[in-house]
Amino acid sequence: MNAKPVSPKQEVWSIEAALEWATEDLRKRYIEQPRLDAEVLLAHALHTTRIQLILEAHRILEPSELARFRACVLRRRTREPVAYICGEKEFYGRSFQVDARVLVPRPETEILVDTVLRRIGSSSLSLCGLDLCTGSGCIAITLAREWPTTVLYAVDISPSALEVAHENKLRLGAHNVVLLEGDLFKPVEGYPPFDLIVANPPYIAQKDLVDLMPDVRLFEPYLALEAGEEGLDKLQQIIVESPRFLREGGFIAVEVGRGQAECVKDWMESVRLQEIEITYDYTRVERIVSAMRH
């Protein structure tokens, strides 16, 4: 028999009862995945795993545990992202620190990493790569861990975002990542050409900001989202300038928004990048555009 949902003011309640209360509370507020969010938040509050919640479903929670969980649920009611409440987000099998200084890493960005690994190949390569708009550092750090002998330069215009990236670099032992502050290619002017350029830049059009989910619109950093009237400003700058910073035989891959891939492909062709490939995400949106410089 399932435990009945209870009021958070009730002093004695089990793990399952707490989950049912939180699930119903979040559902009433039109949260998309109320049960999943409730489980993740309770696991965070108890410093345990979601599997352990199932195994201990009938355990009675301590008052301090209840208080922590209720505080998490109250924050989620406001549509604050679960990743910000928990202070971390898994990306490519690793846990990254995240907060309101950086975007929450998305599953579709893992496809960007997959594309780079698939098209470049061996982990024994000693390359020099550049990650633009690094944010939390999830792309650069993931590639650095997959390729231990490669050096990755990670650039962001936001000093506060770089603070988060630095914490993740230390947290995940990515000693082959170099963090640089500045706008796109400016910090690497005069550097030798790179073997790899990768970027997940801002690509939301100004007019579309109001239509974003409240979780994104109200909490994630505007600087990392908006990119001009059509959302293409940063993507165009990256593609047009990339040949100056990419060696012959080098590879570039960028994440793009819905409906932007063909435009990015045209820019790549205009600067004579070749072997252009468009990769779809899990919802069949053209999400990654990649190419070689010959």
Foldseek 3Di string as FASTA:
>chain_A
DQDDADDLVDQKDFLRNQLVVQLVVVVVLVDPRRSVLLLLLLCLLVVHHSVVCVVRRGDIDHNSSSVSSVVLSVVCSQVADSCQSSQWDDDPNDIAGDHQQFDHDDPQVSVLLVVVCVVVDDLADAFEEEEEQCQLVRNVQVNCVSNVNYAYEYEHQDPVSVVNNVVRCVVSVSPRYHYDHDHGCVRCVPPAAGQEYEYAAAQDAPVCLVVDDCNCNVGHDPRRHYDYHRSCNSLLVCLQPNVVRHDAFHKYKYFYDAPCQVVSVVSNVVNPWDPWDFDAGPVRGRTMIMTGHD
